């Protein structure tokens, strides 16, 4: 069984930066492609970024491209989301997901087997 624990959320002004972390517990993180998704109040969960098991391949949504970067450290069993130039519309609960079924990565939330509890990010204008 895999547990995912997110941290690093908080309140930040527009234009600021935050780094979210996701700890992978229970099994080696290299077994999983990882993704970050977010859910704003009244909206569906949406894809933010994903990375394959080795970190050699990654992708971001158009809305965060050039501002957010996903990375991982398999020795530490950690996945990160560096968020720069934050905007009020980035306000959401951010979730880390683990996908143990593919070599690449996925933008689809239904492809992820495990989820963390989420960490809240609030960007003030």
PDB file of N, CA and C in Angstrom:
ATOM      1  N   UNK A   1       0.835  -1.183   0.000  1.00  0.00           N
ATOM      2  CA  UNK A   1       0.000   0.000   0.000  1.00  0.00           C
ATOM      3  C   UNK A   1       0.880   1.247   0.000  1.00  0.00           C
ATOM      4  N   UNK A   2       0.506   2.208  -0.810  1.00  0.00           N
ATOM      5  CA  UNK A   2       1.266   3.445  -0.922  1.00  0.00           C
ATOM      6  C   UNK A   2       0.503   4.575  -0.236  1.00  0.00           C
ATOM      7  N   UNK A   3       1.225   5.366   0.496  1.00  0.00           N
ATOM      8  CA  UNK A   3       0.648   6.588   1.074  1.00  0.00           C
ATOM      9  C   UNK A   3       1.368   7.790   0.490  1.00  0.00           C
ATOM     10  N   UNK A   4       0.610   8.816   0.179  1.00  0.00           N
ATOM     11  CA  UNK A   4       1.170  10.049  -0.349  1.00  0.00           C
ATOM     12  C   UNK A   4       0.843  11.177   0.618  1.00  0.00           C
ATOM     13  N   UNK A   5       1.852  11.950   0.961  1.00  0.00           N
ATOM     14  CA  UNK A   5       1.653  13.045   1.918  1.00  0.00           C
ATOM     15  C   UNK A   5       2.169  14.333   1.306  1.00  0.00           C
ATOM     16  N   UNK A   6       1.259  15.251   1.025  1.00  0.00           N
ATOM     17  CA  UNK A   6       1.641  16.540   0.449  1.00  0.00           C
ATOM     18  C   UNK A   6       1.936  17.559   1.542  1.00  0.00           C
ATOM     19  N   UNK A   7       2.770  18.519   1.197  1.00  0.00           N
ATOM     20  CA  UNK A   7       3.060  19.624   2.093  1.00  0.00           C
ATOM     21  C   UNK A   7       3.528  20.813   1.267  1.00  0.00           C
ATOM     22  N   UNK A   8       3.604  21.964   1.907  1.00  0.00           N
ATOM     23  CA  UNK A   8       4.148  23.135   1.243  1.00  0.00           C
ATOM     24  C   UNK A   8       3.135  24.176   0.808  1.00  0.00           C
ATOM     25  N   UNK A   9       1.863  23.883   0.966  1.00  0.00           N
ATOM     26  CA  UNK A   9       0.856  24.859   0.588  1.00  0.00           C
ATOM     27  C   UNK A   9       0.829  26.034   1.556  1.00  0.00           C
ATOM     28  N   UNK A  10       0.058  27.054   1.195  1.00  0.00           N
ATOM     29  CA  UNK A  10      -0.060  28.220   2.049  1.00  0.00           C
ATOM     30  C   UNK A  10      -0.637  29.395   1.312  1.00  0.00           C
ATOM     31  N   UNK A  11      -0.516  30.559   1.939  1.00  0.00           N
ATOM     32  CA  UNK A  11      -1.022  31.805   1.375  1.00  0.00           C
ATOM     33  C   UNK A  11       0.146  32.598   0.802  1.00  0.00           C
ATOM     34  N   UNK A  12      -0.014  33.049  -0.430  1.00  0.00           N
ATOM     35  CA  UNK A  12       1.052  33.795  -1.084  1.00  0.00           C
ATOM     36  C   UNK A  12       0.424  34.888  -1.936  1.00  0.00           C
ATOM     37  N   UNK A  13       1.145  35.977  -2.112  1.00  0.00           N
ATOM     38  CA  UNK A  13       0.649  37.045  -2.970  1.00  0.00           C
ATOM     39  C   UNK A  13       0.875  36.700  -4.440  1.00  0.00           C
ATOM     40  N   UNK A  14       0.056  37.285  -5.277  1.00  0.00           N
ATOM     41  CA  UNK A  14       0.227  37.093  -6.720  1.00  0.00           C
ATOM     42  C   UNK A  14       1.640  37.484  -7.127  1.00  0.00           C
ATOM     43  N   UNK A  15       2.220  36.656  -7.985  1.00  0.00           N
ATOM     44  CA  UNK A  15       3.596  36.855  -8.414  1.00  0.00           C
ATOM     45  C   UNK A  15       4.608  36.104  -7.580  1.00  0.00           C
ATOM     46  N   UNK A  16       4.177  35.571  -6.456  1.00  0.00           N
ATOM     47  CA  UNK A  16       5.070  34.845  -5.573  1.00  0.00           C
ATOM     48  C   UNK A  16       5.278  33.400  -5.982  1.00  0.00           C
ATOM     49  N   UNK A  17       6.011  32.680  -5.133  1.00  0.00           N
ATOM     50  CA  UNK A  17       6.375  31.289  -5.424  1.00  0.00           C
ATOM     51  C   UNK A  17       6.101  30.398  -4.225  1.00  0.00           C
ATOM     52  N   UNK A  18       5.825  29.149  -4.522  1.00  0.00           N
ATOM     53  CA  UNK A  18       5.717  28.102  -3.513  1.00  0.00           C
ATOM     54  C   UNK A  18       6.291  26.826  -4.093  1.00  0.00           C
ATOM     55  N   UNK A  19       6.793  25.958  -3.223  1.00  0.00           N
ATOM     56  CA  UNK A  19       7.200  24.634  -3.660  1.00  0.00           C
ATOM     57  C   UNK A  19       6.411  23.605  -2.871  1.00  0.00           C
ATOM     58  N   UNK A  20       5.649  22.815  -3.588  1.00  0.00           N
ATOM     59  CA  UNK A  20       4.903  21.729  -2.970  1.00  0.00           C
ATOM     60  C   UNK A  20       5.755  20.465  -2.977  1.00  0.00           C
ATOM     61  N   UNK A  21       5.604  19.673  -1.935  1.00  0.00           N
ATOM     62  CA  UNK A  21       6.313  18.413  -1.834  1.00  0.00           C
ATOM     63  C   UNK A  21       5.315  17.283  -1.635  1.00  0.00           C
ATOM     64  N   UNK A  22       5.661  16.121  -2.144  1.00  0.00           N
ATOM     65  CA  UNK A  22       4.840  14.930  -1.966  1.00  0.00           C
ATOM     66  C   UNK A  22       5.766  13.792  -1.548  1.00  0.00           C
ATOM     67  N   UNK A  23       5.562  13.280  -0.354  1.00  0.00           N
ATOM     68  CA  UNK A  23       6.338  12.145   0.132  1.00  0.00           C
ATOM     69  C   UNK A  23       5.630  10.850  -0.227  1.00  0.00           C
ATOM     70  N   UNK A  24       6.364   9.917  -0.820  1.00  0.00           N
ATOM     71  CA  UNK A  24       5.832   8.612  -1.188  1.00  0.00           C
ATOM     72  C   UNK A  24       6.258   7.617  -0.126  1.00  0.00           C
ATOM     73  N   UNK A  25       5.302   7.052   0.575  1.00  0.00           N
ATOM     74  CA  UNK A  25       5.578   6.162   1.693  1.00  0.00           C
ATOM     75  C   UNK A  25       5.053   4.761   1.407  1.00  0.00           C
ATOM     76  N   UNK A  26       5.787   3.768   1.846  1.00  0.00           N
ATOM     77  CA  UNK A  26       5.303   2.406   1.764  1.00  0.00           C
ATOM     78  C   UNK A  26       5.929   1.576   0.667  1.00  0.00           C
ATOM     79  N   UNK A  27       6.243   2.206  -0.464  1.00  0.00           N
ATOM     80  CA  UNK A  27       6.886   1.506  -1.571  1.00  0.00           C
ATOM     81  C   UNK A  27       7.827   2.486  -2.270  1.00  0.00           C
ATOM     82  N   UNK A  28       8.806   1.981  -2.992  1.00  0.00           N
ATOM     83  CA  UNK A  28       9.742   2.887  -3.672  1.00  0.00           C
ATOM     84  C   UNK A  28       9.034   3.783  -4.682  1.00  0.00           C
ATOM     85  N   UNK A  29       9.360   5.053  -4.669  1.00  0.00           N
ATOM     86  CA  UNK A  29       8.682   5.984  -5.567  1.00  0.00           C
ATOM     87  C   UNK A  29       8.976   5.689  -7.034  1.00  0.00           C
ATOM     88  N   UNK A  30      10.108   5.033  -7.318  1.00  0.00           N
ATOM     89  CA  UNK A  30      10.477   4.756  -8.713  1.00  0.00           C
ATOM     90  C   UNK A  30       9.494   3.797  -9.392  1.00  0.00           C
ATOM     91  N   UNK A  31       8.614   3.184  -8.627  1.00  0.00           N
ATOM     92  CA  UNK A  31       7.617   2.275  -9.192  1.00  0.00           C
ATOM     93  C   UNK A  31       6.437   3.015  -9.820  1.00  0.00           C
ATOM     94  N   UNK A  32       6.416   4.326  -9.652  1.00  0.00           N
ATOM     95  CA  UNK A  32       5.218   5.070 -10.023  1.00  0.00           C
ATOM     96  C   UNK A  32       5.525   6.296 -10.870  1.00  0.00           C
ATOM     97  N   UNK A  33       4.696   6.487 -11.893  1.00  0.00           N
ATOM     98  CA  UNK A  33       4.597   7.814 -12.473  1.00  0.00           C
ATOM     99  C   UNK A  33       3.817   8.658 -11.471  1.00  0.00           C
ATOM    100  N   UNK A  34       4.125   9.933 -11.426  1.00  0.00           N
ATOM    101  CA  UNK A  34       3.503  10.806 -10.424  1.00  0.00           C
ATOM    102  C   UNK A  34       2.862  12.008 -11.104  1.00  0.00           C
ATOM    103  N   UNK A  35       1.834  12.528 -10.471  1.00  0.00           N
ATOM    104  CA  UNK A  35       1.174  13.693 -11.035  1.00  0.00           C
ATOM    105  C   UNK A  35       0.690  14.627  -9.951  1.00  0.00           C
ATOM    106  N   UNK A  36       0.537  15.869 -10.357  1.00  0.00           N
ATOM    107  CA  UNK A  36      -0.096  16.878  -9.508  1.00  0.00           C
ATOM    108  C   UNK A  36      -1.390  17.315 -10.194  1.00  0.00           C
ATOM    109  N   UNK A  37      -2.432  17.354  -9.414  1.00  0.00           N
ATOM    110  CA  UNK A  37      -3.733  17.834  -9.865  1.00  0.00           C
ATOM    111  C   UNK A  37      -4.212  18.877  -8.863  1.00  0.00           C
ATOM    112  N   UNK A  38      -5.192  19.665  -9.266  1.00  0.00           N
ATOM    113  CA  UNK A  38      -5.730  20.651  -8.342  1.00  0.00           C
ATOM    114  C   UNK A  38      -7.238  20.748  -8.489  1.00  0.00           C
ATOM    115  N   UNK A  39      -7.868  21.193  -7.422  1.00  0.00           N
ATOM    116  CA  UNK A  39      -9.316  21.356  -7.438  1.00  0.00           C
ATOM    117  C   UNK A  39      -9.671  22.657  -6.735  1.00  0.00           C
ATOM    118  N   UNK A  40     -10.239  23.566  -7.500  1.00  0.00           N
ATOM    119  CA  UNK A  40     -10.701  24.836  -6.960  1.00  0.00           C
ATOM    120  C   UNK A  40     -12.142  24.676  -6.488  1.00  0.00           C
ATOM    121  N   UNK A  41     -12.601  25.546  -5.590  1.00  0.00           N
ATOM    122  CA  UNK A  41     -13.983  25.449  -5.082  1.00  0.00           C
ATOM    123  C   UNK A  41     -15.000  25.483  -6.221  1.00  0.00           C
ATOM    124  N   UNK A  42     -15.889  24.514  -6.223  1.00  0.00           N
ATOM    125  CA  UNK A  42     -16.938  24.459  -7.223  1.00  0.00           C
ATOM    126  C   UNK A  42     -16.510  23.960  -8.578  1.00  0.00           C
ATOM    127  N   UNK A  43     -15.268  23.501  -8.683  1.00  0.00           N
ATOM    128  CA  UNK A  43     -14.760  23.021  -9.972  1.00  0.00           C
ATOM    129  C   UNK A  43     -14.290  21.585  -9.855  1.00  0.00           C
ATOM    130  N   UNK A  44     -14.147  20.947 -11.005  1.00  0.00           N
ATOM    131  CA  UNK A  44     -13.645  19.581 -11.027  1.00  0.00           C
ATOM    132  C   UNK A  44     -12.127  19.570 -10.861  1.00  0.00           C
ATOM    133  N   UNK A  45     -11.611  18.407 -10.452  1.00  0.00           N
ATOM    134  CA  UNK A  45     -10.177  18.252 -10.340  1.00  0.00           C
ATOM    135  C   UNK A  45      -9.551  18.355 -11.722  1.00  0.00           C
ATOM    136  N   UNK A  46      -8.468  19.103 -11.834  1.00  0.00           N
ATOM    137  CA  UNK A  46      -7.832  19.277 -13.120  1.00  0.00           C
ATOM    138  C   UNK A  46      -6.345  18.943 -13.055  1.00  0.00           C
ATOM    139  N   UNK A  47      -5.840  18.499 -14.183  1.00  0.00           N
ATOM    140  CA  UNK A  47      -4.436  18.133 -14.325  1.00  0.00           C
ATOM    141  C   UNK A  47      -3.549  19.360 -14.238  1.00  0.00           C
ATOM    142  N   UNK A  48      -2.419  19.222 -13.550  1.00  0.00           N
ATOM    143  CA  UNK A  48      -1.432  20.291 -13.475  1.00  0.00           C
ATOM    144  C   UNK A  48      -0.119  19.866 -14.109  1.00  0.00           C
ATOM    145  N   UNK A  49       0.446  18.745 -13.630  1.00  0.00           N
ATOM    146  CA  UNK A  49       1.745  18.301 -14.134  1.00  0.00           C
ATOM    147  C   UNK A  49       1.922  16.826 -13.837  1.00  0.00           C
ATOM    148  N   UNK A  50       2.756  16.171 -14.641  1.00  0.00           N
ATOM    149  CA  UNK A  50       3.026  14.762 -14.447  1.00  0.00           C
ATOM    150  C   UNK A  50       4.456  14.456 -14.822  1.00  0.00           C
ATOM    151  N   UNK A  51       4.986  13.368 -14.259  1.00  0.00           N
ATOM    152  CA  UNK A  51       6.380  12.991 -14.509  1.00  0.00           C
ATOM    153  C   UNK A  51       6.490  11.483 -14.489  1.00  0.00           C
ATOM    154  N   UNK A  52       7.310  10.935 -15.385  1.00  0.00           N
ATOM    155  CA  UNK A  52       7.426   9.479 -15.427  1.00  0.00           C
ATOM    156  C   UNK A  52       8.310   8.989 -14.286  1.00  0.00           C
ATOM    157  N   UNK A  53       8.474   7.676 -14.199  1.00  0.00           N
ATOM    158  CA  UNK A  53       9.130   7.089 -13.034  1.00  0.00           C
ATOM    159  C   UNK A  53      10.563   7.557 -12.852  1.00  0.00           C
ATOM    160  N   UNK A  54      11.255   7.811 -13.951  1.00  0.00           N
ATOM    161  CA  UNK A  54      12.676   8.171 -13.867  1.00  0.00           C
ATOM    162  C   UNK A  54      12.898   9.677 -13.803  1.00  0.00           C
ATOM    163  N   UNK A  55      11.885  10.448 -14.136  1.00  0.00           N
ATOM    164  CA  UNK A  55      12.054  11.892 -14.188  1.00  0.00           C
ATOM    165  C   UNK A  55      12.505  12.397 -15.532  1.00  0.00           C
ATOM    166  N   UNK A  56      12.667  11.502 -16.510  1.00  0.00           N
ATOM    167  CA  UNK A  56      13.173  11.901 -17.826  1.00  0.00           C
ATOM    168  C   UNK A  56      12.091  12.518 -18.696  1.00  0.00           C
ATOM    169  N   UNK A  57      10.844  12.237 -18.384  1.00  0.00           N
ATOM    170  CA  UNK A  57       9.735  12.781 -19.165  1.00  0.00           C
ATOM    171  C   UNK A  57       8.749  13.469 -18.233  1.00  0.00           C
ATOM    172  N   UNK A  58       8.254  14.602 -18.664  1.00  0.00           N
ATOM    173  CA  UNK A  58       7.269  15.319 -17.853  1.00  0.00           C
ATOM    174  C   UNK A  58       6.397  16.171 -18.766  1.00  0.00           C
ATOM    175  N   UNK A  59       5.301  16.609 -18.213  1.00  0.00           N
ATOM    176  CA  UNK A  59       4.387  17.460 -18.973  1.00  0.00           C
ATOM    177  C   UNK A  59       3.598  18.315 -17.994  1.00  0.00           C
ATOM    178  N   UNK A  60       3.194  19.477 -18.476  1.00  0.00           N
ATOM    179  CA  UNK A  60       2.371  20.389 -17.680  1.00  0.00           C
ATOM    180  C   UNK A  60       1.156  20.816 -18.482  1.00  0.00           C
ATOM    181  N   UNK A  61       0.165  21.289 -17.779  1.00  0.00           N
ATOM    182  CA  UNK A  61      -0.999  21.832 -18.472  1.00  0.00           C
ATOM    183  C   UNK A  61      -0.629  23.167 -19.103  1.00  0.00           C
ATOM    184  N   UNK A  62      -1.391  23.563 -20.083  1.00  0.00           N
ATOM    185  CA  UNK A  62      -1.135  24.831 -20.755  1.00  0.00           C
ATOM    186  C   UNK A  62      -1.217  26.002 -19.786  1.00  0.00           C
ATOM    187  N   UNK A  63      -2.090  25.911 -18.809  1.00  0.00           N
ATOM    188  CA  UNK A  63      -2.315  27.030 -17.891  1.00  0.00           C
ATOM    189  C   UNK A  63      -1.138  27.291 -16.955  1.00  0.00           C
ATOM    190  N   UNK A  64      -0.277  26.304 -16.774  1.00  0.00           N
ATOM    191  CA  UNK A  64       0.869  26.488 -15.875  1.00  0.00           C
ATOM    192  C   UNK A  64       2.202  26.378 -16.593  1.00  0.00           C
ATOM    193  N   UNK A  65       2.175  26.064 -17.877  1.00  0.00           N
ATOM    194  CA  UNK A  65       3.411  25.910 -18.650  1.00  0.00           C
ATOM    195  C   UNK A  65       4.263  27.163 -18.536  1.00  0.00           C
ATOM    196  N   UNK A  66       5.547  26.959 -18.247  1.00  0.00           N
ATOM    197  CA  UNK A  66       6.463  28.083 -18.106  1.00  0.00           C
ATOM    198  C   UNK A  66       6.494  28.692 -16.717  1.00  0.00           C
ATOM    199  N   UNK A  67       5.543  28.301 -15.859  1.00  0.00           N
ATOM    200  CA  UNK A  67       5.517  28.842 -14.492  1.00  0.00           C
ATOM    201  C   UNK A  67       5.746  27.744 -13.449  1.00  0.00           C
ATOM    202  N   UNK A  68       5.236  26.551 -13.714  1.00  0.00           N
ATOM    203  CA  UNK A  68       5.346  25.431 -12.781  1.00  0.00           C
ATOM    204  C   UNK A  68       6.313  24.391 -13.335  1.00  0.00           C
ATOM    205  N   UNK A  69       7.050  23.738 -12.436  1.00  0.00           N
ATOM    206  CA  UNK A  69       7.969  22.675 -12.822  1.00  0.00           C
ATOM    207  C   UNK A  69       7.806  21.495 -11.875  1.00  0.00           C
ATOM    208  N   UNK A  70       7.619  20.323 -12.446  1.00  0.00           N
ATOM    209  CA  UNK A  70       7.536  19.110 -11.637  1.00  0.00           C
ATOM    210  C   UNK A  70       8.889  18.416 -11.666  1.00  0.00           C
ATOM    211  N   UNK A  71       9.264  17.838 -10.536  1.00  0.00           N
ATOM    212  CA  UNK A  71      10.525  17.100 -10.458  1.00  0.00           C
ATOM    213  C   UNK A  71      10.373  16.004  -9.404  1.00  0.00           C
ATOM    214  N   UNK A  72      11.362  15.128  -9.369  1.00  0.00           N
ATOM    215  CA  UNK A  72      11.313  14.046  -8.387  1.00  0.00           C
ATOM    216  C   UNK A  72      12.717  13.654  -7.965  1.00  0.00           C
ATOM    217  N   UNK A  73      12.807  13.081  -6.777  1.00  0.00           N
ATOM    218  CA  UNK A  73      14.048  12.550  -6.244  1.00  0.00           C
ATOM    219  C   UNK A  73      13.727  11.152  -5.724  1.00  0.00           C
ATOM    220  N   UNK A  74      14.030  10.140  -6.516  1.00  0.00           N
ATOM    221  CA  UNK A  74      13.660   8.773  -6.146  1.00  0.00           C
ATOM    222  C   UNK A  74      14.481   8.253  -4.972  1.00  0.00           C
ATOM    223  N   UNK A  75      15.636   8.811  -4.742  1.00  0.00           N
ATOM    224  CA  UNK A  75      16.427   8.379  -3.580  1.00  0.00           C
ATOM    225  C   UNK A  75      15.754   8.832  -2.291  1.00  0.00           C
ATOM    226  N   UNK A  76      15.090   9.975  -2.349  1.00  0.00           N
ATOM    227  CA  UNK A  76      14.382  10.496  -1.179  1.00  0.00           C
ATOM    228  C   UNK A  76      12.892  10.153  -1.212  1.00  0.00           C
ATOM    229  N   UNK A  77      12.450   9.531  -2.301  1.00  0.00           N
ATOM    230  CA  UNK A  77      11.028   9.180  -2.471  1.00  0.00           C
ATOM    231  C   UNK A  77      10.144  10.421  -2.372  1.00  0.00           C
ATOM    232  N   UNK A  78      10.545  11.436  -3.097  1.00  0.00           N
ATOM    233  CA  UNK A  78       9.847  12.715  -3.054  1.00  0.00           C
ATOM    234  C   UNK A  78       9.535  13.191  -4.469  1.00  0.00           C
ATOM    235  N   UNK A  79       8.428  13.905  -4.584  1.00  0.00           N
ATOM    236  CA  UNK A  79       8.044  14.571  -5.813  1.00  0.00           C
ATOM    237  C   UNK A  79       7.744  16.025  -5.460  1.00  0.00           C
ATOM    238  N   UNK A  80       8.128  16.930  -6.364  1.00  0.00           N
ATOM    239  CA  UNK A  80       7.995  18.351  -6.072  1.00  0.00           C
ATOM    240  C   UNK A  80       7.229  19.059  -7.183  1.00  0.00           C
ATOM    241  N   UNK A  81       6.612  20.163  -6.799  1.00  0.00           N
ATOM    242  CA  UNK A  81       6.005  21.061  -7.776  1.00  0.00           C
ATOM    243  C   UNK A  81       6.452  22.475  -7.419  1.00  0.00           C
ATOM    244  N   UNK A  82       7.374  22.997  -8.215  1.00  0.00           N
ATOM    245  CA  UNK A  82       7.818  24.368  -8.028  1.00  0.00           C
ATOM    246  C   UNK A  82       6.861  25.281  -8.780  1.00  0.00           C
ATOM    247  N   UNK A  83       6.266  26.202  -8.052  1.00  0.00           N
ATOM    248  CA  UNK A  83       5.266  27.093  -8.641  1.00  0.00           C
ATOM    249  C   UNK A  83       5.756  28.530  -8.550  1.00  0.00           C
ATOM    250  N   UNK A  84       5.985  29.137  -9.686  1.00  0.00           N
ATOM    251  CA  UNK A  84       6.440  30.523  -9.764  1.00  0.00           C
ATOM    252  C   UNK A  84       5.373  31.379 -10.432  1.00  0.00           C
ATOM    253  N   UNK A  85       5.515  32.683 -10.269  1.00  0.00           N
ATOM    254  CA  UNK A  85       4.580  33.645 -10.890  1.00  0.00           C
ATOM    255  C   UNK A  85       3.139  33.252 -10.620  1.00  0.00           C
ATOM    256  N   UNK A  86       2.844  32.983  -9.389  1.00  0.00           N
ATOM    257  CA  UNK A  86       1.512  32.518  -9.034  1.00  0.00           C
ATOM    258  C   UNK A  86       0.455  33.579  -9.280  1.00  0.00           C
ATOM    259  N   UNK A  87      -0.721  33.092  -9.660  1.00  0.00           N
ATOM    260  CA  UNK A  87      -1.855  33.956  -9.990  1.00  0.00           C
ATOM    261  C   UNK A  87      -3.041  33.593  -9.088  1.00  0.00           C
ATOM    262  N   UNK A  88      -3.965  34.499  -8.878  1.00  0.00           N
ATOM    263  CA  UNK A  88      -5.151  34.170  -8.073  1.00  0.00           C
ATOM    264  C   UNK A  88      -5.884  32.938  -8.594  1.00  0.00           C
ATOM    265  N   UNK A  89      -5.886  32.720  -9.899  1.00  0.00           N
ATOM    266  CA  UNK A  89      -6.583  31.561 -10.455  1.00  0.00           C
ATOM    267  C   UNK A  89      -5.867  30.235 -10.176  1.00  0.00           C
ATOM    268  N   UNK A  90      -4.681  30.294  -9.591  1.00  0.00           N
ATOM    269  CA  UNK A  90      -4.000  29.063  -9.168  1.00  0.00           C
ATOM    270  C   UNK A  90      -4.491  28.594  -7.800  1.00  0.00           C
ATOM    271  N   UNK A  91      -5.324  29.385  -7.154  1.00  0.00           N
ATOM    272  CA  UNK A  91      -5.876  29.019  -5.853  1.00  0.00           C
ATOM    273  C   UNK A  91      -6.669  27.723  -5.962  1.00  0.00           C
ATOM    274  N   UNK A  92      -6.299  26.739  -5.143  1.00  0.00           N
ATOM    275  CA  UNK A  92      -6.943  25.423  -5.189  1.00  0.00           C
ATOM    276  C   UNK A  92      -6.325  24.534  -4.120  1.00  0.00           C
ATOM    277  N   UNK A  93      -6.925  23.378  -3.942  1.00  0.00           N
ATOM    278  CA  UNK A  93      -6.270  22.310  -3.189  1.00  0.00           C
ATOM    279  C   UNK A  93      -5.493  21.481  -4.202  1.00  0.00           C
ATOM    280  N   UNK A  94      -4.232  21.254  -3.916  1.00  0.00           N
ATOM    281  CA  UNK A  94      -3.350  20.522  -4.814  1.00  0.00           C
ATOM    282  C   UNK A  94      -3.151  19.106  -4.283  1.00  0.00           C
ATOM    283  N   UNK A  95      -3.324  18.147  -5.196  1.00  0.00           N
ATOM    284  CA  UNK A  95      -3.225  16.739  -4.846  1.00  0.00           C
ATOM    285  C   UNK A  95      -2.100  16.069  -5.619  1.00  0.00           C
ATOM    286  N   UNK A  96      -1.415  15.198  -4.928  1.00  0.00           N
ATOM    287  CA  UNK A  96      -0.384  14.360  -5.528  1.00  0.00           C
ATOM    288  C   UNK A  96      -0.983  12.981  -5.810  1.00  0.00           C
ATOM    289  N   UNK A  97      -0.699  12.434  -6.994  1.00  0.00           N
ATOM    290  CA  UNK A  97      -1.204  11.120  -7.354  1.00  0.00           C
ATOM    291  C   UNK A  97      -0.086  10.212  -7.820  1.00  0.00           C
ATOM    292  N   UNK A  98      -0.272   8.900  -7.621  1.00  0.00           N
ATOM    293  CA  UNK A  98       0.699   7.894  -8.048  1.00  0.00           C
ATOM    294  C   UNK A  98       0.034   6.904  -8.991  1.00  0.00           C
ATOM    295  N   UNK A  99       0.693   6.651 -10.112  1.00  0.00           N
ATOM    296  CA  UNK A  99       0.188   5.754 -11.151  1.00  0.00           C
ATOM    297  C   UNK A  99       1.201   4.635 -11.342  1.00  0.00           C
ATOM    298  N   UNK A 100       0.805   3.414 -10.987  1.00  0.00           N
ATOM    299  CA  UNK A 100       1.725   2.287 -11.054  1.00  0.00           C
ATOM    300  C   UNK A 100       1.541   1.412 -12.278  1.00  0.00           C
ATOM    301  N   UNK A 101       0.803   1.913 -13.281  1.00  0.00           N
ATOM    302  CA  UNK A 101       0.429   1.029 -14.383  1.00  0.00           C
ATOM    303  C   UNK A 101       1.091   1.350 -15.712  1.00  0.00           C
ATOM    304  N   UNK A 102       1.922   2.389 -15.767  1.00  0.00           N
ATOM    305  CA  UNK A 102       2.494   2.698 -17.080  1.00  0.00           C
ATOM    306  C   UNK A 102       3.940   3.142 -16.951  1.00  0.00           C
ATOM    307  N   UNK A 103       4.666   3.014 -18.047  1.00  0.00           N
ATOM    308  CA  UNK A 103       6.066   3.423 -18.095  1.00  0.00           C
ATOM    309  C   UNK A 103       6.178   4.931 -18.294  1.00  0.00           C
ATOM    310  N   UNK A 104       5.204   5.493 -19.007  1.00  0.00           N
ATOM    311  CA  UNK A 104       5.242   6.923 -19.271  1.00  0.00           C
ATOM    312  C   UNK A 104       4.558   7.708 -18.179  1.00  0.00           C
ATOM    313  N   UNK A 105       3.634   8.576 -18.583  1.00  0.00           N
ATOM    314  CA  UNK A 105       2.873   9.348 -17.616  1.00  0.00           C
ATOM    315  C   UNK A 105       1.479   9.588 -18.161  1.00  0.00           C
ATOM    316  N   UNK A 106       0.619  10.145 -17.324  1.00  0.00           N
ATOM    317  CA  UNK A 106      -0.762  10.363 -17.741  1.00  0.00           C
ATOM    318  C   UNK A 106      -1.263  11.704 -17.232  1.00  0.00           C
ATOM    319  N   UNK A 107      -2.100  12.339 -18.054  1.00  0.00           N
ATOM    320  CA  UNK A 107      -2.779  13.573 -17.682  1.00  0.00           C
ATOM    321  C   UNK A 107      -4.177  13.306 -17.127  1.00  0.00           C
ATOM    322  N   UNK A 108      -4.556  12.044 -17.046  1.00  0.00           N
ATOM    323  CA  UNK A 108      -5.921  11.689 -16.662  1.00  0.00           C
ATOM    324  C   UNK A 108      -5.977  11.249 -15.205  1.00  0.00           C
ATOM    325  N   UNK A 109      -6.812  11.873 -14.422  1.00  0.00           N
ATOM    326  CA  UNK A 109      -6.895  11.537 -12.993  1.00  0.00           C
ATOM    327  C   UNK A 109      -7.340  10.097 -12.778  1.00  0.00           C
ATOM    328  N   UNK A 110      -8.154   9.547 -13.678  1.00  0.00           N
ATOM    329  CA  UNK A 110      -8.633   8.170 -13.503  1.00  0.00           C
ATOM    330  C   UNK A 110      -7.529   7.142 -13.660  1.00  0.00           C
ATOM    331  N   UNK A 111      -6.365   7.539 -14.183  1.00  0.00           N
ATOM    332  CA  UNK A 111      -5.237   6.617 -14.332  1.00  0.00           C
ATOM    333  C   UNK A 111      -4.408   6.496 -13.061  1.00  0.00           C
ATOM    334  N   UNK A 112      -4.708   7.301 -12.061  1.00  0.00           N
ATOM    335  CA  UNK A 112      -3.915   7.298 -10.840  1.00  0.00           C
ATOM    336  C   UNK A 112      -4.563   6.404  -9.792  1.00  0.00           C
ATOM    337  N   UNK A 113      -3.729   5.594  -9.141  1.00  0.00           N
ATOM    338  CA  UNK A 113      -4.213   4.605  -8.197  1.00  0.00           C
ATOM    339  C   UNK A 113      -4.277   5.136  -6.765  1.00  0.00           C
ATOM    340  N   UNK A 114      -3.392   6.055  -6.442  1.00  0.00           N
ATOM    341  CA  UNK A 114      -3.288   6.533  -5.059  1.00  0.00           C
ATOM    342  C   UNK A 114      -3.265   8.063  -5.064  1.00  0.00           C
ATOM    343  N   UNK A 115      -3.822   8.628  -3.999  1.00  0.00           N
ATOM    344  CA  UNK A 115      -3.895  10.078  -3.848  1.00  0.00           C
ATOM    345  C   UNK A 115      -3.534  10.487  -2.426  1.00  0.00           C
ATOM    346  N   UNK A 116      -2.950  11.667  -2.318  1.00  0.00           N
ATOM    347  CA  UNK A 116      -2.731  12.238  -1.013  1.00  0.00           C
ATOM    348  C   UNK A 116      -3.957  12.987  -0.524  1.00  0.00           C
ATOM    349  N   UNK A 117      -3.808  13.598   0.621  1.00  0.00           N
ATOM    350  CA  UNK A 117      -4.941  14.293   1.247  1.00  0.00           C
ATOM    351  C   UNK A 117      -5.090  15.722   0.721  1.00  0.00           C
ATOM    352  N   UNK A 118      -4.088  16.214   0.036  1.00  0.00           N
ATOM    353  CA  UNK A 118      -4.142  17.549  -0.545  1.00  0.00           C
ATOM    354  C   UNK A 118      -3.499  18.603   0.336  1.00  0.00           C
ATOM    355  N   UNK A 119      -3.025  19.651  -0.312  1.00  0.00           N
ATOM    356  CA  UNK A 119      -2.476  20.806   0.389  1.00  0.00           C
ATOM    357  C   UNK A 119      -3.051  22.060  -0.268  1.00  0.00           C
ATOM    358  N   UNK A 120      -3.494  22.992   0.547  1.00  0.00           N
ATOM    359  CA  UNK A 120      -4.219  24.155   0.030  1.00  0.00           C
ATOM    360  C   UNK A 120      -3.261  25.270  -0.345  1.00  0.00           C
ATOM    361  N   UNK A 121      -3.475  25.816  -1.520  1.00  0.00           N
ATOM    362  CA  UNK A 121      -2.715  26.976  -2.003  1.00  0.00           C
ATOM    363  C   UNK A 121      -3.695  28.117  -2.235  1.00  0.00           C
ATOM    364  N   UNK A 122      -3.407  29.250  -1.621  1.00  0.00           N
ATOM    365  CA  UNK A 122      -4.238  30.440  -1.801  1.00  0.00           C
ATOM    366  C   UNK A 122      -3.367  31.577  -2.293  1.00  0.00           C
ATOM    367  N   UNK A 123      -3.738  32.136  -3.432  1.00  0.00           N
ATOM    368  CA  UNK A 123      -2.982  33.238  -4.020  1.00  0.00           C
ATOM    369  C   UNK A 123      -3.844  34.489  -3.950  1.00  0.00           C
ATOM    370  N   UNK A 124      -3.355  35.479  -3.245  1.00  0.00           N
ATOM    371  CA  UNK A 124      -4.119  36.722  -3.094  1.00  0.00           C
ATOM    372  C   UNK A 124      -3.699  37.721  -4.159  1.00  0.00           C
ATOM    373  N   UNK A 125      -4.659  38.536  -4.571  1.00  0.00           N
ATOM    374  CA  UNK A 125      -4.371  39.524  -5.624  1.00  0.00           C
ATOM    375  C   UNK A 125      -3.869  40.831  -5.039  1.00  0.00           C
TER     376      UNK A 125
END
